[in-house]
């Protein structure tokens, strides 16, 4: 049988592939629907899927309803991330946004120390620094003048704030868990997030012409609800129980590489060769961190 830590790594590998698809599809749909409306819909759909699967397998029995305020915190934090992701993708390129996402490991390490007192070794810090350098290379497209001027796009800045929320999430999962399974905690988080998003985004939800939305929006909604919400929530909840926060988030370094492959498979072609240098640095950072 596969050891539990190894299963945690496999969960995060699958997580990185599924998350990458959301960048490629999200960039095509971001300007066609309000971020709050599509995020609320994805949370309700994902909650229904996880809830139905858990109910059929008995996964919701034996707890999960104690201190419901915990789910409001978890759902609120992840709602912020997804809304700002779609808002940022209105102007940010998928690969560039994915590079911003790779800044989350170093922030997750900081939150892991603040919230859980997880200490980062010098080796892990070195790996995070390498990943940070690779991410910055991609974000600024290998242009040192743009880096020195800090000429970053508006979409990348918006999404960066969302990534702060994402980086905080793994530490909160451990801190707020009261013995619930990954499925129970995922379901509670999704329902709480859906309720909060519906209350906050109700004007946009009512104003959306759901029947007149282009097909790409429905394809994106279906993907992000099933694969990039329900599935990744369970994978992330499972992994954070068996791996340190910094190693969990280290897998985000693979996301830009997967996004490139998603774009190539979609017929969008390869990015400029200069970006591949930064991609290589992020992959090297992942390998370094997994050995740390």
C-alpha atoms as a PDB file:
ATOM      1  CA  UNK A   1       0.000   0.000   0.000  1.00  0.00           C
ATOM      2  CA  UNK A   2       1.209   3.519  -0.799  1.00  0.00           C
ATOM      3  CA  UNK A   3       2.516   5.268   2.367  1.00  0.00           C
ATOM      4  CA  UNK A   4       0.303   8.107   3.628  1.00  0.00           C
ATOM      5  CA  UNK A   5       2.899  10.889   2.996  1.00  0.00           C
ATOM      6  CA  UNK A   6       3.320   9.608  -0.577  1.00  0.00           C
ATOM      7  CA  UNK A   7      -0.440   9.760  -1.039  1.00  0.00           C
ATOM      8  CA  UNK A   8      -0.284  13.368   0.120  1.00  0.00           C
ATOM      9  CA  UNK A   9       2.262  14.106  -2.611  1.00  0.00           C
ATOM     10  CA  UNK A  10       0.136  12.355  -5.239  1.00  0.00           C
ATOM     11  CA  UNK A  11      -2.865  14.398  -4.100  1.00  0.00           C
ATOM     12  CA  UNK A  12      -0.957  17.646  -4.609  1.00  0.00           C
ATOM     13  CA  UNK A  13       0.366  16.532  -8.002  1.00  0.00           C
ATOM     14  CA  UNK A  14      -3.225  16.000  -9.157  1.00  0.00           C
ATOM     15  CA  UNK A  15      -4.139  19.306  -7.506  1.00  0.00           C
ATOM     16  CA  UNK A  16      -1.570  21.211  -9.590  1.00  0.00           C
ATOM     17  CA  UNK A  17      -2.839  19.727 -12.871  1.00  0.00           C
ATOM     18  CA  UNK A  18      -6.485  20.540 -12.112  1.00  0.00           C
ATOM     19  CA  UNK A  19      -5.718  24.069 -10.907  1.00  0.00           C
ATOM     20  CA  UNK A  20      -3.787  24.811 -14.105  1.00  0.00           C
ATOM     21  CA  UNK A  21      -6.855  24.073 -16.211  1.00  0.00           C
ATOM     22  CA  UNK A  22      -8.784  26.763 -14.337  1.00  0.00           C
ATOM     23  CA  UNK A  23      -6.286  29.414 -15.473  1.00  0.00           C
ATOM     24  CA  UNK A  24      -6.552  28.482 -19.148  1.00  0.00           C
ATOM     25  CA  UNK A  25     -10.356  28.315 -19.157  1.00  0.00           C
ATOM     26  CA  UNK A  26     -10.866  31.151 -16.679  1.00  0.00           C
ATOM     27  CA  UNK A  27      -8.984  33.634 -18.847  1.00  0.00           C
ATOM     28  CA  UNK A  28     -11.442  32.982 -21.690  1.00  0.00           C
ATOM     29  CA  UNK A  29     -14.554  33.411 -19.530  1.00  0.00           C
ATOM     30  CA  UNK A  30     -13.444  36.101 -17.073  1.00  0.00           C
ATOM     31  CA  UNK A  31     -14.738  39.036 -19.137  1.00  0.00           C
ATOM     32  CA  UNK A  32     -18.054  37.358 -19.949  1.00  0.00           C
ATOM     33  CA  UNK A  33     -19.525  37.018 -16.439  1.00  0.00           C
ATOM     34  CA  UNK A  34     -19.207  38.729 -13.064  1.00  0.00           C
ATOM     35  CA  UNK A  35     -16.541  37.065 -10.853  1.00  0.00           C
ATOM     36  CA  UNK A  36     -18.882  36.919  -7.861  1.00  0.00           C
ATOM     37  CA  UNK A  37     -21.692  35.310  -9.873  1.00  0.00           C
ATOM     38  CA  UNK A  38     -19.584  32.532 -11.395  1.00  0.00           C
ATOM     39  CA  UNK A  39     -17.800  31.864  -8.101  1.00  0.00           C
ATOM     40  CA  UNK A  40     -21.087  31.555  -6.185  1.00  0.00           C
ATOM     41  CA  UNK A  41     -22.387  29.138  -8.818  1.00  0.00           C
ATOM     42  CA  UNK A  42     -19.220  27.045  -8.720  1.00  0.00           C
ATOM     43  CA  UNK A  43     -19.376  26.782  -4.918  1.00  0.00           C
ATOM     44  CA  UNK A  44     -23.030  25.645  -4.939  1.00  0.00           C
ATOM     45  CA  UNK A  45     -22.365  23.058  -7.646  1.00  0.00           C
ATOM     46  CA  UNK A  46     -19.229  21.798  -5.931  1.00  0.00           C
ATOM     47  CA  UNK A  47     -21.041  21.615  -2.569  1.00  0.00           C
ATOM     48  CA  UNK A  48     -23.830  19.580  -4.156  1.00  0.00           C
ATOM     49  CA  UNK A  49     -21.346  17.155  -5.723  1.00  0.00           C
ATOM     50  CA  UNK A  50     -19.284  16.685  -2.561  1.00  0.00           C
ATOM     51  CA  UNK A  51     -22.397  16.486  -0.387  1.00  0.00           C
ATOM     52  CA  UNK A  52     -24.083  13.892  -2.604  1.00  0.00           C
ATOM     53  CA  UNK A  53     -20.948  11.750  -2.814  1.00  0.00           C
ATOM     54  CA  UNK A  54     -20.406  11.980   0.945  1.00  0.00           C
ATOM     55  CA  UNK A  55     -24.050  11.180   1.735  1.00  0.00           C
ATOM     56  CA  UNK A  56     -24.004   8.057  -0.461  1.00  0.00           C
ATOM     57  CA  UNK A  57     -20.836   6.806   1.228  1.00  0.00           C
ATOM     58  CA  UNK A  58     -21.703   7.887   4.774  1.00  0.00           C
ATOM     59  CA  UNK A  59     -18.935  10.457   4.707  1.00  0.00           C
ATOM     60  CA  UNK A  60     -20.974  13.135   6.492  1.00  0.00           C
ATOM     61  CA  UNK A  61     -21.792  11.058   9.559  1.00  0.00           C
ATOM     62  CA  UNK A  62     -19.971  11.314  12.863  1.00  0.00           C
ATOM     63  CA  UNK A  63     -19.367  15.041  13.191  1.00  0.00           C
ATOM     64  CA  UNK A  64     -18.622  18.024  11.036  1.00  0.00           C
ATOM     65  CA  UNK A  65     -21.246  20.393  12.463  1.00  0.00           C
ATOM     66  CA  UNK A  66     -19.489  21.500  15.640  1.00  0.00           C
ATOM     67  CA  UNK A  67     -18.566  25.186  15.793  1.00  0.00           C
ATOM     68  CA  UNK A  68     -19.942  26.156  12.350  1.00  0.00           C
ATOM     69  CA  UNK A  69     -18.194  29.527  12.599  1.00  0.00           C
ATOM     70  CA  UNK A  70     -15.045  27.701  11.540  1.00  0.00           C
ATOM     71  CA  UNK A  71     -16.520  26.980   8.130  1.00  0.00           C
ATOM     72  CA  UNK A  72     -17.485  30.609   7.649  1.00  0.00           C
ATOM     73  CA  UNK A  73     -13.827  31.538   8.119  1.00  0.00           C
ATOM     74  CA  UNK A  74     -12.558  28.826   5.765  1.00  0.00           C
ATOM     75  CA  UNK A  75     -15.272  29.462   3.181  1.00  0.00           C
ATOM     76  CA  UNK A  76     -14.733  33.214   3.367  1.00  0.00           C
ATOM     77  CA  UNK A  77     -10.977  32.933   2.865  1.00  0.00           C
ATOM     78  CA  UNK A  78     -11.283  30.663  -0.160  1.00  0.00           C
ATOM     79  CA  UNK A  79     -14.123  32.750  -1.616  1.00  0.00           C
ATOM     80  CA  UNK A  80     -11.825  35.774  -1.599  1.00  0.00           C
ATOM     81  CA  UNK A  81      -9.215  33.799  -3.496  1.00  0.00           C
ATOM     82  CA  UNK A  82     -11.545  32.588  -6.265  1.00  0.00           C
ATOM     83  CA  UNK A  83     -13.286  35.940  -6.793  1.00  0.00           C
ATOM     84  CA  UNK A  84      -9.980  37.795  -7.085  1.00  0.00           C
ATOM     85  CA  UNK A  85      -8.643  35.086  -9.391  1.00  0.00           C
ATOM     86  CA  UNK A  86     -11.418  35.683 -11.927  1.00  0.00           C
ATOM     87  CA  UNK A  87     -11.136  39.440 -11.527  1.00  0.00           C
ATOM     88  CA  UNK A  88      -7.392  39.275 -12.173  1.00  0.00           C
ATOM     89  CA  UNK A  89      -7.800  37.003 -15.208  1.00  0.00           C
ATOM     90  CA  UNK A  90      -9.763  39.756 -16.942  1.00  0.00           C
ATOM     91  CA  UNK A  91      -6.427  41.333 -17.894  1.00  0.00           C
ATOM     92  CA  UNK A  92      -3.650  38.950 -16.776  1.00  0.00           C
ATOM     93  CA  UNK A  93      -2.369  36.246 -19.123  1.00  0.00           C
ATOM     94  CA  UNK A  94      -2.890  32.651 -17.859  1.00  0.00           C
ATOM     95  CA  UNK A  95       0.838  31.847 -17.591  1.00  0.00           C
ATOM     96  CA  UNK A  96       1.564  35.149 -15.857  1.00  0.00           C
ATOM     97  CA  UNK A  97      -1.302  34.606 -13.384  1.00  0.00           C
ATOM     98  CA  UNK A  98      -0.061  31.076 -12.737  1.00  0.00           C
ATOM     99  CA  UNK A  99       3.354  32.547 -11.960  1.00  0.00           C
ATOM    100  CA  UNK A 100       1.727  34.832  -9.383  1.00  0.00           C
ATOM    101  CA  UNK A 101       0.150  31.695  -7.910  1.00  0.00           C
ATOM    102  CA  UNK A 102       3.638  30.285  -7.345  1.00  0.00           C
ATOM    103  CA  UNK A 103       4.272  33.060  -4.819  1.00  0.00           C
ATOM    104  CA  UNK A 104       1.919  31.267  -2.425  1.00  0.00           C
ATOM    105  CA  UNK A 105       4.449  28.705  -1.081  1.00  0.00           C
ATOM    106  CA  UNK A 106       6.670  31.311   0.540  1.00  0.00           C
ATOM    107  CA  UNK A 107       3.598  33.089   1.935  1.00  0.00           C
ATOM    108  CA  UNK A 108       2.232  29.734   3.132  1.00  0.00           C
ATOM    109  CA  UNK A 109       5.511  29.114   4.914  1.00  0.00           C
ATOM    110  CA  UNK A 110       5.200  32.464   6.690  1.00  0.00           C
ATOM    111  CA  UNK A 111       1.596  31.761   7.694  1.00  0.00           C
ATOM    112  CA  UNK A 112       2.600  28.245   8.784  1.00  0.00           C
ATOM    113  CA  UNK A 113       5.057  29.789  11.219  1.00  0.00           C
ATOM    114  CA  UNK A 114       2.651  32.486  12.445  1.00  0.00           C
ATOM    115  CA  UNK A 115      -0.392  30.231  12.862  1.00  0.00           C
ATOM    116  CA  UNK A 116       1.092  26.804  13.593  1.00  0.00           C
ATOM    117  CA  UNK A 117       4.691  27.634  14.545  1.00  0.00           C
ATOM    118  CA  UNK A 118       5.954  25.409  11.742  1.00  0.00           C
ATOM    119  CA  UNK A 119       9.659  26.238  11.450  1.00  0.00           C
ATOM    120  CA  UNK A 120      11.233  26.499   7.988  1.00  0.00           C
ATOM    121  CA  UNK A 121      14.738  25.140   7.569  1.00  0.00           C
ATOM    122  CA  UNK A 122      17.387  27.005   5.598  1.00  0.00           C
ATOM    123  CA  UNK A 123      17.099  24.375   2.858  1.00  0.00           C
ATOM    124  CA  UNK A 124      13.365  24.987   2.493  1.00  0.00           C
ATOM    125  CA  UNK A 125      13.904  28.752   2.526  1.00  0.00           C
ATOM    126  CA  UNK A 126      16.477  28.359  -0.257  1.00  0.00           C
ATOM    127  CA  UNK A 127      13.980  26.361  -2.331  1.00  0.00           C
ATOM    128  CA  UNK A 128      11.272  28.956  -1.769  1.00  0.00           C
ATOM    129  CA  UNK A 129      13.685  31.713  -2.798  1.00  0.00           C
ATOM    130  CA  UNK A 130      14.503  29.847  -6.026  1.00  0.00           C
ATOM    131  CA  UNK A 131      10.795  29.450  -6.762  1.00  0.00           C
ATOM    132  CA  UNK A 132      10.215  33.129  -6.044  1.00  0.00           C
ATOM    133  CA  UNK A 133      12.952  34.104  -8.494  1.00  0.00           C
ATOM    134  CA  UNK A 134      11.427  31.892 -11.177  1.00  0.00           C
ATOM    135  CA  UNK A 135       7.954  33.310 -10.572  1.00  0.00           C
ATOM    136  CA  UNK A 136       9.222  36.889 -10.836  1.00  0.00           C
ATOM    137  CA  UNK A 137      11.004  36.005 -14.066  1.00  0.00           C
ATOM    138  CA  UNK A 138       7.744  34.816 -15.625  1.00  0.00           C
ATOM    139  CA  UNK A 139       5.624  37.654 -14.198  1.00  0.00           C
ATOM    140  CA  UNK A 140       7.965  40.283 -15.651  1.00  0.00           C
ATOM    141  CA  UNK A 141       8.570  38.172 -18.796  1.00  0.00           C
ATOM    142  CA  UNK A 142      12.336  38.099 -18.305  1.00  0.00           C
ATOM    143  CA  UNK A 143      12.525  41.903 -18.677  1.00  0.00           C
ATOM    144  CA  UNK A 144      14.964  43.176 -16.058  1.00  0.00           C
ATOM    145  CA  UNK A 145      13.964  46.791 -16.758  1.00  0.00           C
ATOM    146  CA  UNK A 146      10.321  45.940 -16.003  1.00  0.00           C
ATOM    147  CA  UNK A 147      11.416  44.136 -12.838  1.00  0.00           C
ATOM    148  CA  UNK A 148      13.475  47.084 -11.627  1.00  0.00           C
ATOM    149  CA  UNK A 149      10.571  49.436 -12.364  1.00  0.00           C
ATOM    150  CA  UNK A 150       8.186  46.894 -10.803  1.00  0.00           C
ATOM    151  CA  UNK A 151       5.979  47.294 -13.884  1.00  0.00           C
ATOM    152  CA  UNK A 152       3.440  44.619 -12.993  1.00  0.00           C
ATOM    153  CA  UNK A 153      -0.011  44.467 -14.558  1.00  0.00           C
ATOM    154  CA  UNK A 154      -3.246  45.367 -12.762  1.00  0.00           C
ATOM    155  CA  UNK A 155      -4.595  41.842 -13.132  1.00  0.00           C
ATOM    156  CA  UNK A 156      -1.512  40.323 -11.523  1.00  0.00           C
ATOM    157  CA  UNK A 157      -1.771  42.735  -8.577  1.00  0.00           C
ATOM    158  CA  UNK A 158      -5.443  41.882  -8.004  1.00  0.00           C
ATOM    159  CA  UNK A 159      -4.722  38.178  -8.159  1.00  0.00           C
ATOM    160  CA  UNK A 160      -1.769  38.520  -5.792  1.00  0.00           C
ATOM    161  CA  UNK A 161      -4.135  39.635  -3.034  1.00  0.00           C
ATOM    162  CA  UNK A 162      -6.211  36.547  -3.697  1.00  0.00           C
ATOM    163  CA  UNK A 163      -3.103  34.390  -3.399  1.00  0.00           C
ATOM    164  CA  UNK A 164      -2.511  35.781   0.089  1.00  0.00           C
ATOM    165  CA  UNK A 165      -5.865  34.278   1.076  1.00  0.00           C
ATOM    166  CA  UNK A 166      -4.954  30.990  -0.611  1.00  0.00           C
ATOM    167  CA  UNK A 167      -1.631  30.843   1.240  1.00  0.00           C
ATOM    168  CA  UNK A 168      -3.382  31.315   4.587  1.00  0.00           C
ATOM    169  CA  UNK A 169      -5.889  28.536   3.910  1.00  0.00           C
ATOM    170  CA  UNK A 170      -3.728  25.399   4.590  1.00  0.00           C
ATOM    171  CA  UNK A 171      -2.709  26.648   8.031  1.00  0.00           C
ATOM    172  CA  UNK A 172      -6.327  27.490   8.884  1.00  0.00           C
ATOM    173  CA  UNK A 173      -7.430  23.993   7.846  1.00  0.00           C
ATOM    174  CA  UNK A 174      -5.120  22.443  10.425  1.00  0.00           C
ATOM    175  CA  UNK A 175      -5.818  25.052  13.069  1.00  0.00           C
ATOM    176  CA  UNK A 176      -9.610  24.807  12.825  1.00  0.00           C
ATOM    177  CA  UNK A 177      -9.987  21.066  12.322  1.00  0.00           C
ATOM    178  CA  UNK A 178     -11.787  19.319  15.200  1.00  0.00           C
ATOM    179  CA  UNK A 179     -11.388  15.768  13.977  1.00  0.00           C
ATOM    180  CA  UNK A 180     -13.528  16.074  10.845  1.00  0.00           C
ATOM    181  CA  UNK A 181     -12.577  14.088   7.775  1.00  0.00           C
ATOM    182  CA  UNK A 182     -11.373  15.828   4.614  1.00  0.00           C
ATOM    183  CA  UNK A 183     -14.816  15.305   3.040  1.00  0.00           C
ATOM    184  CA  UNK A 184     -16.680  16.753   6.024  1.00  0.00           C
ATOM    185  CA  UNK A 185     -14.463  19.812   6.218  1.00  0.00           C
ATOM    186  CA  UNK A 186     -14.620  20.308   2.449  1.00  0.00           C
ATOM    187  CA  UNK A 187     -18.419  20.154   2.401  1.00  0.00           C
ATOM    188  CA  UNK A 188     -18.743  22.602   5.280  1.00  0.00           C
ATOM    189  CA  UNK A 189     -16.302  25.003   3.653  1.00  0.00           C
ATOM    190  CA  UNK A 190     -18.069  24.876   0.294  1.00  0.00           C
ATOM    191  CA  UNK A 191     -21.537  25.447   1.767  1.00  0.00           C
ATOM    192  CA  UNK A 192     -20.324  28.328   3.922  1.00  0.00           C
ATOM    193  CA  UNK A 193     -18.494  29.889   0.993  1.00  0.00           C
ATOM    194  CA  UNK A 194     -21.544  29.509  -1.253  1.00  0.00           C
ATOM    195  CA  UNK A 195     -23.794  31.225   1.291  1.00  0.00           C
ATOM    196  CA  UNK A 196     -21.372  34.108   1.799  1.00  0.00           C
ATOM    197  CA  UNK A 197     -20.864  34.581  -1.945  1.00  0.00           C
ATOM    198  CA  UNK A 198     -24.605  34.509  -2.619  1.00  0.00           C
ATOM    199  CA  UNK A 199     -25.272  37.167   0.008  1.00  0.00           C
ATOM    200  CA  UNK A 200     -22.399  39.344  -1.197  1.00  0.00           C
ATOM    201  CA  UNK A 201     -22.916  38.889  -4.919  1.00  0.00           C
ATOM    202  CA  UNK A 202     -26.709  38.734  -5.112  1.00  0.00           C
ATOM    203  CA  UNK A 203     -27.070  41.910  -7.262  1.00  0.00           C
ATOM    204  CA  UNK A 204     -24.612  40.524  -9.827  1.00  0.00           C
ATOM    205  CA  UNK A 205     -26.236  37.076  -9.710  1.00  0.00           C
ATOM    206  CA  UNK A 206     -29.667  38.575 -10.414  1.00  0.00           C
ATOM    207  CA  UNK A 207     -28.316  40.792 -13.180  1.00  0.00           C
ATOM    208  CA  UNK A 208     -26.612  37.904 -15.006  1.00  0.00           C
ATOM    209  CA  UNK A 209     -28.380  36.636 -18.132  1.00  0.00           C
ATOM    210  CA  UNK A 210     -27.724  32.980 -17.364  1.00  0.00           C
ATOM    211  CA  UNK A 211     -29.640  31.714 -20.390  1.00  0.00           C
ATOM    212  CA  UNK A 212     -27.660  33.951 -22.736  1.00  0.00           C
ATOM    213  CA  UNK A 213     -24.157  33.114 -21.512  1.00  0.00           C
ATOM    214  CA  UNK A 214     -21.690  31.870 -24.170  1.00  0.00           C
ATOM    215  CA  UNK A 215     -20.849  28.165 -24.132  1.00  0.00           C
ATOM    216  CA  UNK A 216     -17.270  28.819 -22.961  1.00  0.00           C
ATOM    217  CA  UNK A 217     -18.666  30.229 -19.701  1.00  0.00           C
ATOM    218  CA  UNK A 218     -20.672  27.059 -19.058  1.00  0.00           C
ATOM    219  CA  UNK A 219     -17.687  24.881 -19.924  1.00  0.00           C
ATOM    220  CA  UNK A 220     -15.532  26.914 -17.554  1.00  0.00           C
ATOM    221  CA  UNK A 221     -18.175  26.809 -14.810  1.00  0.00           C
ATOM    222  CA  UNK A 222     -18.529  23.048 -15.140  1.00  0.00           C
ATOM    223  CA  UNK A 223     -14.771  22.529 -15.022  1.00  0.00           C
ATOM    224  CA  UNK A 224     -14.048  24.835 -12.105  1.00  0.00           C
ATOM    225  CA  UNK A 225     -17.012  23.481 -10.103  1.00  0.00           C
ATOM    226  CA  UNK A 226     -16.231  19.788 -10.561  1.00  0.00           C
ATOM    227  CA  UNK A 227     -12.472  19.616 -11.052  1.00  0.00           C
ATOM    228  CA  UNK A 228     -11.082  22.910  -9.781  1.00  0.00           C
ATOM    229  CA  UNK A 229     -13.346  23.161  -6.723  1.00  0.00           C
ATOM    230  CA  UNK A 230     -14.846  19.871  -5.528  1.00  0.00           C
ATOM    231  CA  UNK A 231     -11.867  17.698  -6.462  1.00  0.00           C
ATOM    232  CA  UNK A 232      -9.106  20.137  -5.513  1.00  0.00           C
ATOM    233  CA  UNK A 233     -10.775  20.967  -2.189  1.00  0.00           C
ATOM    234  CA  UNK A 234     -10.718  17.293  -1.176  1.00  0.00           C
ATOM    235  CA  UNK A 235      -7.144  16.844  -2.455  1.00  0.00           C
ATOM    236  CA  UNK A 236      -5.913  19.921  -0.596  1.00  0.00           C
ATOM    237  CA  UNK A 237      -7.765  19.034   2.609  1.00  0.00           C
ATOM    238  CA  UNK A 238      -6.196  15.556   2.509  1.00  0.00           C
ATOM    239  CA  UNK A 239      -2.675  16.757   1.746  1.00  0.00           C
ATOM    240  CA  UNK A 240      -2.498  19.411   4.464  1.00  0.00           C
ATOM    241  CA  UNK A 241      -3.127  16.732   7.084  1.00  0.00           C
ATOM    242  CA  UNK A 242      -0.037  14.774   6.090  1.00  0.00           C
ATOM    243  CA  UNK A 243       2.445  17.323   4.734  1.00  0.00           C
ATOM    244  CA  UNK A 244       3.870  20.612   6.084  1.00  0.00           C
ATOM    245  CA  UNK A 245       2.220  23.745   4.678  1.00  0.00           C
ATOM    246  CA  UNK A 246       5.350  24.776   2.763  1.00  0.00           C
ATOM    247  CA  UNK A 247       5.572  21.396   0.980  1.00  0.00           C
ATOM    248  CA  UNK A 248       1.854  21.360   0.211  1.00  0.00           C
ATOM    249  CA  UNK A 249       2.073  24.739  -1.456  1.00  0.00           C
ATOM    250  CA  UNK A 250       5.360  23.839  -3.169  1.00  0.00           C
ATOM    251  CA  UNK A 251       3.341  21.973  -5.766  1.00  0.00           C
ATOM    252  CA  UNK A 252       2.018  25.297  -7.011  1.00  0.00           C
ATOM    253  CA  UNK A 253       5.416  25.658  -8.695  1.00  0.00           C
ATOM    254  CA  UNK A 254       4.221  23.107 -11.257  1.00  0.00           C
ATOM    255  CA  UNK A 255       1.128  25.124 -12.205  1.00  0.00           C
ATOM    256  CA  UNK A 256       2.759  27.462 -14.804  1.00  0.00           C
ATOM    257  CA  UNK A 257       4.212  24.430 -16.590  1.00  0.00           C
ATOM    258  CA  UNK A 258       0.824  22.721 -16.664  1.00  0.00           C
ATOM    259  CA  UNK A 259      -0.823  25.957 -17.878  1.00  0.00           C
ATOM    260  CA  UNK A 260       1.584  26.074 -20.824  1.00  0.00           C
ATOM    261  CA  UNK A 261       0.670  22.492 -21.723  1.00  0.00           C
ATOM    262  CA  UNK A 262      -3.045  23.292 -21.359  1.00  0.00           C
ATOM    263  CA  UNK A 263      -2.644  26.279 -23.691  1.00  0.00           C
ATOM    264  CA  UNK A 264      -0.653  24.266 -26.210  1.00  0.00           C
ATOM    265  CA  UNK A 265      -3.302  21.515 -26.162  1.00  0.00           C
ATOM    266  CA  UNK A 266      -5.944  24.218 -26.748  1.00  0.00           C
ATOM    267  CA  UNK A 267      -4.136  25.437 -29.835  1.00  0.00           C
ATOM    268  CA  UNK A 268      -2.766  28.667 -28.355  1.00  0.00           C
ATOM    269  CA  UNK A 269       0.860  27.776 -29.086  1.00  0.00           C
ATOM    270  CA  UNK A 270       4.003  27.969 -26.979  1.00  0.00           C
ATOM    271  CA  UNK A 271       4.957  31.049 -24.925  1.00  0.00           C
ATOM    272  CA  UNK A 272       8.152  33.032 -25.636  1.00  0.00           C
ATOM    273  CA  UNK A 273      11.287  30.992 -25.025  1.00  0.00           C
ATOM    274  CA  UNK A 274      12.479  33.468 -22.391  1.00  0.00           C
ATOM    275  CA  UNK A 275       9.609  32.435 -20.097  1.00  0.00           C
ATOM    276  CA  UNK A 276      10.842  28.848 -20.107  1.00  0.00           C
ATOM    277  CA  UNK A 277      13.847  29.944 -18.028  1.00  0.00           C
ATOM    278  CA  UNK A 278      11.556  31.024 -15.197  1.00  0.00           C
ATOM    279  CA  UNK A 279       9.434  27.874 -15.612  1.00  0.00           C
ATOM    280  CA  UNK A 280      12.570  25.763 -15.250  1.00  0.00           C
ATOM    281  CA  UNK A 281      13.492  27.599 -12.064  1.00  0.00           C
ATOM    282  CA  UNK A 282      10.074  26.928 -10.527  1.00  0.00           C
ATOM    283  CA  UNK A 283      10.267  23.220 -11.379  1.00  0.00           C
ATOM    284  CA  UNK A 284      13.769  23.081  -9.873  1.00  0.00           C
ATOM    285  CA  UNK A 285      12.395  24.742  -6.743  1.00  0.00           C
ATOM    286  CA  UNK A 286       9.719  22.051  -6.416  1.00  0.00           C
ATOM    287  CA  UNK A 287      12.285  19.248  -6.701  1.00  0.00           C
ATOM    288  CA  UNK A 288      14.512  21.007  -4.175  1.00  0.00           C
ATOM    289  CA  UNK A 289      11.670  21.413  -1.666  1.00  0.00           C
ATOM    290  CA  UNK A 290      10.518  17.807  -1.988  1.00  0.00           C
ATOM    291  CA  UNK A 291      14.031  16.659  -1.050  1.00  0.00           C
ATOM    292  CA  UNK A 292      14.270  19.106   1.834  1.00  0.00           C
END
